[in-house]
Each structure stands twice: as C-alpha cells, then as structure tokens.
Amino acid sequence: MTTPRSVVLTFHSLDDSGSVISVPPERFRRQMEFLASSSFPVVPLDEIFCRPNCVAITFDDGFCNFLDQAAPVLESLRLPATIFVVSEHCGGRNNWRNQPSGVPDLPLMSWQDLASLPPSISVGAHTKTHSELAALSEVECESELHDCKDQIEQHLGQRIRCLAYPYGSSTPQVMSIAQRHFELAVGTSLRYLSSRADVFDLPRIDAYYLRGRFSVEHLFQPYGECYIGFRQVLRQVRRGFLA
C-alpha cells in the first residue's frame, strides 16, 4: 500500500442539522486541530501541487456560519482555506433552482462579510446562480463563469483564480470555457490528488464521508485509500441506479 497522496477537502455548512452538506462545528474544530498538529502541511488551494502529501481546505456556497464557526478556528490555527461563492446569491440564501431535497435553507455571506475575511481565506467562484453547467448551452455557461468572476472581482477588488463546479458538473466544453477565465477548477470526484490530475477538474474528498468513525486523520492511514475507493464505488453504483 502506497502512502496516500495530497487531499483537497470539501466542506459546505458547519451546523448540527445532520444534513448531507452539514458538519458539526465541534467535529470541524477537532479535524482542524489534527491537521494543524500533523506532519501534513495545509496549503492554499493554488499551491496544492507545490508540496507532496499536503492538504487544501475548501468551502462551497459561502454560508454565513463560516464566519462564526470556521473562520475563527482557521485563523487561530493559521490554516489557509478557499471559499467558493455564488455571486448572485451573496447576502441571500441557498435557494437555487436545483437544490437537492434535505438540504437546509441557510443564509449566505454578503459582500461585506466576504471583504472582512482574513487574508488567509481566499475567495473563488462557484458560478453566478449555482447552475448545473453541463446542462447549459455554451453561451449560458460562459455567462455563469465570466459574470461570477467579474462580480466577485468588482465587489472585492481581488483577482479570482479558482472555480468550483456546482454539483461537480462539467464536460470537456465546460472545462474549455473555464480555462478562459480561471487558473484551476475543482470538481467532486471522490479521490486523492495525484500528479496526473487535470488542473481543471481536481478531485476533492467531501467532509460528508468523514463524519462517522472514519475521520480526517484516517485519510493518512494505510487503509484510508481503500475506504475512499470503496465509497467512490458505492457512490457510482447509487448514481447508476438513480440515472
């Protein structure tokens, strides 16, 4: 068994609802404390290829509870992270069109909130309306990516380099459009990061799979890769049944 490679972690909301997008704040704090004390460096997302066996922390959607539950923990432990925001929903709620059932209706950070984040927290694009990009026309996809990037840069006055595909939805055409506007993009493939990974479809491991007995620290144990591989197969089978 080879040593596990680098990992990009995905979080969404930090709350106690138990939903598929939620991680309890106390569990998150313990996970971050482990990473801060471990030998695995936590790096900004755009440096994930610079060091072997490292970790990048990402948050999708831009929920308000990031301010109260995640930012203080990350700042106190000096851990960088990237938060991907849906530009036309900033200051609103996660009531986008294709919201899966069982996901709580939660407030999202405003532009003022995003501007107040510490320098160690970078902002990335999560499209304009959280649309499933693979289902859009080329013109619609271009608008979702270009307009989101432009709106964030106009409001925050900073260069936006990274994109997260909503629902992990991408195609060769979507990735081609992403390359016009960004330097890297992340999906939802449940895998460790290898040196052969496509920089415009980087795999991530969702914190949903780290809420039970298998937690962050187990990712770096010999059986971690087996567990993630098993969960990946189960997810593919489930999607096959639902297709």
Protein backbone atom coordinates (compact mmCIF):
# COMPACT_ATOMS: atom_id res chain seq x y z
CA MET A 1 0.00 0.00 0.00
CA THR A 2 1.45 3.35 -1.04
CA THR A 3 1.36 6.42 1.15
CA PRO A 4 -1.81 8.49 0.49
CA ARG A 5 -1.26 11.49 -1.74
CA SER A 6 -2.40 15.05 -1.33
CA VAL A 7 -6.02 15.79 -0.45
CA VAL A 8 -8.42 18.62 -1.25
CA LEU A 9 -11.18 18.65 1.37
CA THR A 10 -14.69 19.99 0.72
CA PHE A 11 -16.92 21.49 3.39
CA HIS A 12 -20.22 23.30 2.97
CA SER A 13 -22.15 24.26 6.10
CA LEU A 14 -21.00 23.91 9.70
CA ASP A 15 -24.15 23.15 11.66
CA ASP A 16 -25.74 20.38 13.71
CA SER A 17 -28.66 19.58 11.39
CA GLY A 18 -27.14 16.33 10.15
CA SER A 19 -27.89 17.16 6.51
CA VAL A 20 -25.75 15.91 3.63
CA ILE A 21 -23.98 19.28 3.42
CA SER A 22 -23.51 19.77 7.16
CA VAL A 23 -20.60 19.04 9.50
CA PRO A 24 -20.99 19.67 13.25
CA PRO A 25 -18.84 22.66 14.29
CA GLU A 26 -17.18 20.71 17.10
CA ARG A 27 -16.14 17.92 14.73
CA PHE A 28 -14.74 20.51 12.32
CA ARG A 29 -12.72 22.10 15.10
CA ARG A 30 -11.22 18.72 16.08
CA GLN A 31 -10.39 17.93 12.47
CA MET A 32 -8.60 21.24 12.02
CA GLU A 33 -6.70 20.78 15.27
CA PHE A 34 -5.50 17.43 14.00
CA LEU A 35 -4.33 18.93 10.70
CA ALA A 36 -2.57 21.79 12.47
CA SER A 37 -0.64 19.37 14.68
CA SER A 38 0.08 16.78 11.97
CA SER A 39 3.05 16.45 9.65
CA PHE A 40 0.82 17.10 6.62
CA PRO A 41 1.12 20.74 5.57
CA VAL A 42 -2.11 22.66 4.93
CA VAL A 43 -1.58 24.89 1.89
CA PRO A 44 -3.65 27.35 -0.16
CA LEU A 45 -5.53 25.58 -2.93
CA ASP A 46 -3.41 27.09 -5.70
CA GLU A 47 -0.29 25.60 -4.06
CA ILE A 48 -1.61 22.05 -3.82
CA PHE A 49 0.93 20.77 -6.36
CA CYS A 50 3.88 22.54 -4.75
CA ARG A 51 4.45 20.12 -1.87
CA PRO A 52 3.93 16.36 -1.55
CA ASN A 53 1.35 14.87 0.81
CA CYS A 54 -0.35 18.16 1.65
CA VAL A 55 -3.93 19.28 2.29
CA ALA A 56 -6.06 22.10 0.92
CA ILE A 57 -9.32 23.11 2.64
CA THR A 58 -12.26 24.36 0.60
CA PHE A 59 -15.80 25.51 1.38
CA ASP A 60 -18.60 25.64 -1.18
CA ASP A 61 -21.51 28.11 -1.31
CA GLY A 62 -20.37 30.73 1.24
CA PHE A 63 -22.68 30.08 4.18
CA CYS A 64 -22.85 32.67 6.96
CA ASN A 65 -21.92 30.07 9.56
CA PHE A 66 -18.43 30.11 8.05
CA LEU A 67 -17.92 33.46 9.79
CA ASP A 68 -18.83 32.17 13.24
CA GLN A 69 -17.73 28.54 13.11
CA ALA A 70 -14.91 28.18 10.56
CA ALA A 71 -13.05 31.47 10.26
CA PRO A 72 -12.09 31.79 13.97
CA VAL A 73 -10.81 28.19 14.06
CA LEU A 74 -8.84 28.52 10.85
CA GLU A 75 -7.36 31.87 11.87
CA SER A 76 -6.36 30.70 15.36
CA LEU A 77 -4.64 27.62 13.89
CA ARG A 78 -3.15 29.62 11.00
CA LEU A 79 -4.71 27.38 8.37
CA PRO A 80 -5.49 28.74 4.89
CA ALA A 81 -8.71 27.90 3.06
CA THR A 82 -10.66 28.80 -0.07
CA ILE A 83 -14.36 29.63 -0.06
CA PHE A 84 -16.34 29.39 -3.30
CA VAL A 85 -19.24 31.81 -3.59
CA VAL A 86 -22.34 32.05 -5.78
CA SER A 87 -22.17 35.68 -6.83
CA GLU A 88 -25.85 36.49 -7.43
CA HIS A 89 -26.84 34.89 -4.11
CA CYS A 90 -24.34 36.75 -1.90
CA GLY A 91 -26.27 38.16 1.04
CA GLY A 92 -29.22 35.92 0.19
CA ARG A 93 -29.93 32.23 0.77
CA ASN A 94 -29.05 28.91 -0.86
CA ASN A 95 -32.42 28.68 -2.61
CA TRP A 96 -31.02 27.93 -6.07
CA ARG A 97 -33.11 26.12 -8.64
CA ASN A 98 -31.68 22.59 -8.40
CA GLN A 99 -31.34 22.38 -4.63
CA PRO A 100 -31.45 18.69 -3.57
CA SER A 101 -34.06 17.66 -1.02
CA GLY A 102 -32.98 17.53 2.60
CA VAL A 103 -30.60 20.49 2.33
CA PRO A 104 -31.34 23.21 4.91
CA ASP A 105 -32.28 26.71 3.77
CA LEU A 106 -29.45 28.87 5.13
CA PRO A 107 -28.21 32.45 4.82
CA LEU A 108 -25.15 33.22 2.71
CA MET A 109 -22.40 35.73 3.37
CA SER A 110 -22.79 39.23 1.99
CA TRP A 111 -20.12 41.10 0.04
CA GLN A 112 -19.28 42.99 3.24
CA ASP A 113 -18.84 39.68 5.07
CA LEU A 114 -16.55 38.35 2.34
CA ALA A 115 -14.48 41.53 2.38
CA SER A 116 -13.96 41.13 6.14
CA LEU A 117 -12.38 37.66 5.89
CA PRO A 118 -8.74 37.33 7.00
CA PRO A 119 -6.05 37.29 4.26
CA SER A 120 -5.51 33.55 4.73
CA ILE A 121 -9.02 32.90 3.36
CA SER A 122 -9.15 33.22 -0.40
CA VAL A 123 -12.32 33.57 -2.43
CA GLY A 124 -13.16 31.55 -5.53
CA ALA A 125 -16.04 31.38 -7.99
CA HIS A 126 -18.96 28.94 -7.71
CA THR A 127 -20.84 30.38 -10.72
CA LYS A 128 -23.44 33.13 -10.86
CA THR A 129 -26.54 31.13 -9.92
CA HIS A 130 -25.27 27.65 -8.88
CA SER A 131 -26.44 26.15 -12.15
CA GLU A 132 -25.56 22.68 -13.40
CA LEU A 133 -23.07 23.76 -16.05
CA ALA A 134 -23.16 20.56 -18.09
CA ALA A 135 -26.85 21.18 -18.81
CA LEU A 136 -26.30 24.70 -20.17
CA SER A 137 -25.55 25.99 -23.64
CA GLU A 138 -22.09 27.36 -24.36
CA VAL A 139 -23.41 30.93 -24.15
CA GLU A 140 -25.16 30.29 -20.83
CA CYS A 141 -22.10 28.57 -19.37
CA GLU A 142 -19.87 31.43 -20.47
CA SER A 143 -22.18 33.87 -18.69
CA GLU A 144 -22.24 31.81 -15.48
CA LEU A 145 -18.44 31.76 -15.28
CA HIS A 146 -17.49 35.16 -16.68
CA ASP A 147 -20.16 37.10 -14.80
CA CYS A 148 -19.44 35.36 -11.50
CA LYS A 149 -15.72 36.09 -11.73
CA ASP A 150 -16.37 39.69 -12.76
CA GLN A 151 -18.89 40.33 -9.98
CA ILE A 152 -16.58 38.98 -7.28
CA GLU A 153 -13.62 40.97 -8.56
CA GLN A 154 -15.68 44.14 -8.77
CA HIS A 155 -17.02 43.79 -5.22
CA LEU A 156 -13.87 42.56 -3.50
CA GLY A 157 -11.15 44.16 -5.60
CA GLN A 158 -9.10 40.99 -5.83
CA ARG A 159 -8.14 38.64 -8.62
CA ILE A 160 -10.21 35.44 -8.71
CA ARG A 161 -8.20 32.44 -9.88
CA CYS A 162 -10.17 29.35 -8.84
CA LEU A 163 -13.53 27.81 -9.75
CA ALA A 164 -15.65 25.07 -8.19
CA TYR A 165 -18.21 23.41 -10.47
CA PRO A 166 -21.64 23.23 -8.78
CA TYR A 167 -22.58 19.57 -8.24
CA GLY A 168 -19.22 18.71 -9.82
CA SER A 169 -20.98 19.13 -13.16
CA SER A 170 -18.51 19.58 -16.01
CA THR A 171 -17.83 18.40 -19.55
CA PRO A 172 -14.91 19.00 -21.93
CA GLN A 173 -16.78 22.06 -23.22
CA VAL A 174 -17.35 23.40 -19.69
CA MET A 175 -13.68 22.88 -18.80
CA SER A 176 -12.63 24.61 -22.01
CA ILE A 177 -14.70 27.66 -21.06
CA ALA A 178 -13.31 27.55 -17.52
CA GLN A 179 -9.78 27.78 -18.91
CA ARG A 180 -10.62 31.16 -20.44
CA HIS A 181 -11.27 32.68 -17.03
CA PHE A 182 -9.53 30.68 -14.30
CA GLU A 183 -6.23 29.00 -13.47
CA LEU A 184 -7.69 25.88 -11.86
CA ALA A 185 -11.04 24.28 -11.13
CA VAL A 186 -12.23 21.66 -8.67
CA GLY A 187 -14.93 19.04 -9.06
CA THR A 188 -16.44 16.44 -6.77
CA SER A 189 -14.56 13.28 -7.77
CA LEU A 190 -14.01 11.34 -4.58
CA ARG A 191 -10.29 10.73 -4.93
CA TYR A 192 -6.87 11.65 -3.62
CA LEU A 193 -4.90 14.10 -5.72
CA SER A 194 -2.20 12.66 -7.96
CA SER A 195 0.40 14.39 -10.11
CA ARG A 196 -1.64 13.32 -13.16
CA ALA A 197 -4.79 15.18 -12.06
CA ASP A 198 -6.38 17.57 -14.54
CA VAL A 199 -5.85 21.08 -13.19
CA PHE A 200 -9.34 21.98 -14.43
CA ASP A 201 -11.05 19.02 -12.76
CA LEU A 202 -9.21 18.48 -9.49
CA PRO A 203 -10.72 15.76 -7.28
CA ARG A 204 -11.89 16.54 -3.78
CA ILE A 205 -12.95 14.48 -0.77
CA ASP A 206 -16.21 15.69 0.72
CA ALA A 207 -16.34 16.04 4.51
CA TYR A 208 -19.66 14.15 4.38
CA TYR A 209 -17.58 10.97 4.24
CA LEU A 210 -15.55 11.99 7.29
CA ARG A 211 -18.36 12.47 9.80
CA GLY A 212 -18.57 8.95 11.22
CA ARG A 213 -15.92 6.62 12.56
CA PHE A 214 -13.71 7.42 9.59
CA SER A 215 -12.42 10.95 10.09
CA VAL A 216 -9.74 13.23 8.65
CA GLU A 217 -6.86 11.58 10.47
CA HIS A 218 -7.73 8.22 8.92
CA LEU A 219 -7.18 9.63 5.42
CA PHE A 220 -3.48 9.36 6.08
CA GLN A 221 -3.52 5.81 7.38
CA PRO A 222 -2.74 2.84 5.08
CA TYR A 223 -6.41 1.86 4.84
CA GLY A 224 -7.57 5.40 4.03
CA GLU A 225 -7.21 4.98 0.30
CA CYS A 226 -9.16 1.71 0.46
CA TYR A 227 -12.03 3.39 2.32
CA ILE A 228 -12.24 6.31 -0.10
CA GLY A 229 -12.07 3.95 -3.06
CA PHE A 230 -14.90 1.86 -1.60
CA ARG A 231 -17.07 4.93 -1.01
CA GLN A 232 -16.38 6.09 -4.55
CA VAL A 233 -17.62 2.77 -5.96
CA LEU A 234 -20.75 2.92 -3.79
CA ARG A 235 -21.48 6.45 -4.96
CA GLN A 236 -21.10 5.47 -8.61
CA VAL A 237 -23.42 2.48 -8.14
CA ARG A 238 -26.01 4.69 -6.40
CA ARG A 239 -25.88 7.23 -9.23
CA GLY A 240 -26.27 4.42 -11.74
CA PHE A 241 -29.48 3.27 -10.08
CA LEU A 242 -30.84 6.82 -9.98
CA ALA A 243 -29.95 7.62 -13.59
